[in-house]
């Protein structure tokens, strides 16, 4: 009697469960690709800013009027990338 009761009460995720998991995988894949693209843009902007702030460049090249900060960052900023 226990084997019959277990078989009647067994639950399987079925098609709906598969579709939900598959949909989440697709959405996460798109999210990760978008995040990677945005992080590359941020890294490139940081490299460009470092090159502009390097000694030997003119002061006018380090000023970005669109940024509104004059192209300067605090010396102790924690989110500066150090390339080897």
N, C-alpha and C. Protein backbone atom coordinates (compact mmCIF):
# COMPACT_ATOMS: atom_id res chain seq x y z
N UNK A 1 0.82 -1.19 0.00
CA UNK A 1 0.00 0.00 0.00
C UNK A 1 0.86 1.25 0.00
N UNK A 2 2.01 1.21 0.60
CA UNK A 2 2.86 2.40 0.62
C UNK A 2 3.40 2.73 -0.76
N UNK A 3 3.73 1.75 -1.58
CA UNK A 3 4.26 2.01 -2.91
C UNK A 3 3.20 2.67 -3.78
N UNK A 4 1.95 2.25 -3.63
CA UNK A 4 0.87 2.85 -4.41
C UNK A 4 0.62 4.28 -3.95
N UNK A 5 0.67 4.53 -2.66
CA UNK A 5 0.45 5.87 -2.13
C UNK A 5 1.57 6.81 -2.58
N UNK A 6 2.80 6.34 -2.62
CA UNK A 6 3.91 7.18 -3.06
C UNK A 6 3.81 7.50 -4.55
N UNK A 7 3.41 6.55 -5.35
CA UNK A 7 3.32 6.80 -6.79
C UNK A 7 2.20 7.78 -7.11
N UNK A 8 1.13 7.78 -6.34
CA UNK A 8 0.04 8.72 -6.58
C UNK A 8 0.39 10.13 -6.10
N UNK A 9 1.29 10.24 -5.13
CA UNK A 9 1.64 11.53 -4.57
C UNK A 9 2.94 12.10 -5.12
N UNK A 10 3.58 11.41 -6.04
CA UNK A 10 4.84 11.92 -6.57
C UNK A 10 4.58 13.14 -7.46
N UNK A 11 5.49 14.07 -7.36
CA UNK A 11 5.33 15.31 -8.10
C UNK A 11 6.57 15.50 -8.97
N UNK A 12 6.36 15.84 -10.23
CA UNK A 12 7.46 16.11 -11.15
C UNK A 12 7.31 17.53 -11.67
N UNK A 13 8.40 18.22 -11.96
CA UNK A 13 8.32 19.60 -12.40
C UNK A 13 7.61 19.75 -13.75
N UNK A 14 7.77 18.82 -14.63
CA UNK A 14 7.06 18.85 -15.89
C UNK A 14 7.54 19.94 -16.84
N UNK A 15 6.71 20.20 -17.82
CA UNK A 15 7.04 21.15 -18.87
C UNK A 15 7.12 22.57 -18.35
N UNK A 16 6.22 22.94 -17.47
CA UNK A 16 6.21 24.30 -16.94
C UNK A 16 7.51 24.59 -16.17
N UNK A 17 7.95 23.66 -15.37
CA UNK A 17 9.20 23.83 -14.63
C UNK A 17 10.38 23.98 -15.57
N UNK A 18 10.42 23.17 -16.62
CA UNK A 18 11.50 23.27 -17.60
C UNK A 18 11.48 24.64 -18.28
N UNK A 19 10.31 25.10 -18.68
CA UNK A 19 10.21 26.39 -19.36
C UNK A 19 10.64 27.55 -18.45
N UNK A 20 10.29 27.48 -17.18
CA UNK A 20 10.70 28.53 -16.24
C UNK A 20 12.22 28.54 -16.09
N UNK A 21 12.83 27.39 -15.90
CA UNK A 21 14.29 27.32 -15.73
C UNK A 21 14.98 27.74 -17.03
N UNK A 22 14.48 27.29 -18.17
CA UNK A 22 15.07 27.66 -19.45
C UNK A 22 14.95 29.17 -19.69
N UNK A 23 13.81 29.73 -19.37
CA UNK A 23 13.61 31.18 -19.52
C UNK A 23 14.56 31.97 -18.64
N UNK A 24 14.74 31.51 -17.42
CA UNK A 24 15.68 32.19 -16.52
C UNK A 24 17.10 32.10 -17.06
N UNK A 25 17.48 30.96 -17.63
CA UNK A 25 18.82 30.80 -18.20
C UNK A 25 19.02 31.76 -19.37
N UNK A 26 18.01 31.92 -20.22
CA UNK A 26 18.12 32.84 -21.35
C UNK A 26 18.25 34.28 -20.85
N UNK A 27 17.42 34.66 -19.90
CA UNK A 27 17.46 36.03 -19.36
C UNK A 27 18.81 36.30 -18.69
N UNK A 28 19.32 35.36 -17.92
CA UNK A 28 20.61 35.55 -17.26
C UNK A 28 21.75 35.64 -18.26
N UNK A 29 21.69 34.86 -19.32
CA UNK A 29 22.72 34.93 -20.36
C UNK A 29 22.74 36.32 -20.99
N UNK A 30 21.57 36.84 -21.32
CA UNK A 30 21.50 38.19 -21.89
C UNK A 30 21.98 39.24 -20.90
N UNK A 31 21.64 39.07 -19.64
CA UNK A 31 22.07 40.01 -18.60
C UNK A 31 23.58 40.00 -18.45
N UNK A 32 24.20 38.82 -18.43
CA UNK A 32 25.65 38.73 -18.30
C UNK A 32 26.36 39.33 -19.50
N UNK A 33 25.82 39.10 -20.69
CA UNK A 33 26.43 39.69 -21.89
C UNK A 33 26.36 41.21 -21.85
N UNK A 34 25.24 41.74 -21.42
CA UNK A 34 25.08 43.19 -21.32
C UNK A 34 26.03 43.76 -20.26
N UNK A 35 26.13 43.08 -19.13
CA UNK A 35 27.01 43.54 -18.06
C UNK A 35 28.47 43.54 -18.53
N UNK A 36 28.87 42.52 -19.27
CA UNK A 36 30.23 42.44 -19.78
C UNK A 36 30.51 43.60 -20.73
N UNK A 37 29.55 43.91 -21.59
CA UNK A 37 29.71 45.02 -22.53
C UNK A 37 29.87 46.34 -21.78
N UNK A 38 29.07 46.57 -20.77
CA UNK A 38 29.15 47.81 -20.01
C UNK A 38 30.46 47.89 -19.21
N UNK A 39 30.91 46.78 -18.65
CA UNK A 39 32.17 46.78 -17.91
C UNK A 39 33.35 47.07 -18.84
N UNK A 40 33.31 46.57 -20.06
CA UNK A 40 34.38 46.88 -21.02
C UNK A 40 34.40 48.36 -21.34
N UNK A 41 33.22 48.97 -21.48
CA UNK A 41 33.17 50.41 -21.73
C UNK A 41 33.75 51.19 -20.57
N UNK A 42 33.43 50.79 -19.34
CA UNK A 42 33.94 51.48 -18.16
C UNK A 42 35.45 51.33 -18.07
N UNK A 43 35.97 50.13 -18.33
CA UNK A 43 37.41 49.91 -18.29
C UNK A 43 38.12 50.73 -19.35
N UNK A 44 37.56 50.81 -20.54
CA UNK A 44 38.17 51.60 -21.61
C UNK A 44 38.16 53.08 -21.25
N UNK A 45 37.08 53.56 -20.67
CA UNK A 45 37.01 54.96 -20.26
C UNK A 45 38.05 55.25 -19.17
N UNK A 46 38.25 54.32 -18.26
CA UNK A 46 39.26 54.50 -17.21
C UNK A 46 40.66 54.53 -17.80
N UNK A 47 40.93 53.66 -18.77
CA UNK A 47 42.24 53.67 -19.42
C UNK A 47 42.47 54.98 -20.16
N UNK A 48 41.45 55.46 -20.85
CA UNK A 48 41.57 56.72 -21.57
C UNK A 48 41.82 57.87 -20.60
N UNK A 49 41.16 57.84 -19.46
CA UNK A 49 41.35 58.88 -18.46
C UNK A 49 42.75 58.83 -17.88
N UNK A 50 43.29 57.62 -17.64
CA UNK A 50 44.65 57.49 -17.14
C UNK A 50 45.66 58.02 -18.15
N UNK A 51 45.44 57.71 -19.43
CA UNK A 51 46.35 58.20 -20.47
C UNK A 51 46.31 59.72 -20.54
N UNK A 52 45.13 60.29 -20.40
CA UNK A 52 45.00 61.74 -20.48
C UNK A 52 45.63 62.40 -19.27
N UNK A 53 45.65 61.76 -18.12
CA UNK A 53 46.21 62.33 -16.91
C UNK A 53 47.70 62.04 -16.76
N UNK A 54 48.26 61.26 -17.68
CA UNK A 54 49.68 60.90 -17.59
C UNK A 54 50.54 62.14 -17.82
N UNK A 55 51.72 62.19 -17.18
CA UNK A 55 52.62 63.33 -17.37
C UNK A 55 53.06 63.43 -18.83
N UNK A 56 53.24 64.66 -19.30
CA UNK A 56 53.69 64.86 -20.67
C UNK A 56 52.56 65.16 -21.63
N UNK A 57 51.33 65.10 -21.17
CA UNK A 57 50.20 65.45 -22.03
C UNK A 57 49.78 66.87 -21.71
N UNK A 58 49.17 67.51 -22.66
CA UNK A 58 48.74 68.88 -22.43
C UNK A 58 47.55 68.91 -21.48
N UNK A 59 47.38 70.02 -20.77
CA UNK A 59 46.31 70.13 -19.80
C UNK A 59 44.96 70.14 -20.47
N UNK A 60 44.89 70.65 -21.71
CA UNK A 60 43.59 70.71 -22.38
C UNK A 60 43.09 69.33 -22.78
N UNK A 61 44.01 68.37 -22.99
CA UNK A 61 43.56 67.04 -23.39
C UNK A 61 42.99 66.25 -22.22
N UNK A 62 43.33 66.61 -20.98
CA UNK A 62 42.82 65.87 -19.83
C UNK A 62 41.48 66.41 -19.34
N UNK A 63 41.00 67.51 -19.92
CA UNK A 63 39.74 68.09 -19.50
C UNK A 63 38.65 67.60 -20.44
N UNK A 64 37.65 66.97 -19.87
CA UNK A 64 36.52 66.48 -20.65
C UNK A 64 35.31 67.31 -20.29
N UNK A 65 34.89 68.25 -21.14
CA UNK A 65 33.77 69.11 -20.78
C UNK A 65 32.47 68.34 -20.57
N UNK A 66 32.32 67.20 -21.22
CA UNK A 66 31.09 66.43 -21.07
C UNK A 66 31.02 65.77 -19.69
N UNK A 67 32.18 65.46 -19.10
CA UNK A 67 32.20 64.79 -17.80
C UNK A 67 31.84 65.75 -16.69
N UNK A 68 32.20 67.03 -16.83
CA UNK A 68 31.86 68.00 -15.81
C UNK A 68 32.78 67.98 -14.61
N UNK A 69 33.80 67.12 -14.57
CA UNK A 69 34.69 67.06 -13.43
C UNK A 69 36.06 67.60 -13.76
N UNK A 70 36.28 68.01 -15.00
CA UNK A 70 37.59 68.51 -15.37
C UNK A 70 38.61 67.41 -15.60
N UNK A 71 38.20 66.17 -15.66
CA UNK A 71 39.10 65.07 -15.95
C UNK A 71 39.95 64.64 -14.78
N UNK A 72 39.62 65.07 -13.58
CA UNK A 72 40.44 64.71 -12.43
C UNK A 72 39.68 63.75 -11.53
N UNK A 73 40.44 62.91 -10.86
CA UNK A 73 39.86 61.99 -9.89
C UNK A 73 40.68 62.09 -8.61
N UNK A 74 40.11 61.77 -7.46
CA UNK A 74 40.88 61.79 -6.22
C UNK A 74 42.02 60.79 -6.27
N UNK A 75 43.15 61.14 -5.68
CA UNK A 75 44.34 60.28 -5.72
C UNK A 75 44.11 58.95 -5.02
N UNK A 76 43.30 58.91 -3.99
CA UNK A 76 43.09 57.69 -3.23
C UNK A 76 41.81 56.96 -3.60
N UNK A 77 41.34 57.15 -4.81
CA UNK A 77 40.09 56.52 -5.21
C UNK A 77 40.24 55.01 -5.22
N UNK A 78 39.30 54.31 -4.62
CA UNK A 78 39.38 52.86 -4.48
C UNK A 78 39.06 52.14 -5.78
N UNK A 79 38.42 52.81 -6.73
CA UNK A 79 38.04 52.10 -7.96
C UNK A 79 38.93 52.47 -9.12
N UNK A 80 40.17 52.81 -8.88
CA UNK A 80 41.13 53.01 -9.95
C UNK A 80 41.78 51.68 -10.27
N UNK A 81 41.91 51.41 -11.54
CA UNK A 81 42.49 50.15 -11.96
C UNK A 81 43.99 50.29 -12.15
N UNK A 82 44.74 49.36 -11.62
CA UNK A 82 46.18 49.36 -11.74
C UNK A 82 46.58 48.29 -12.73
N UNK A 83 46.98 48.69 -13.95
CA UNK A 83 47.42 47.75 -14.96
C UNK A 83 48.89 47.41 -14.75
N UNK A 84 49.25 46.12 -14.86
CA UNK A 84 50.67 45.74 -14.68
C UNK A 84 51.51 46.14 -15.86
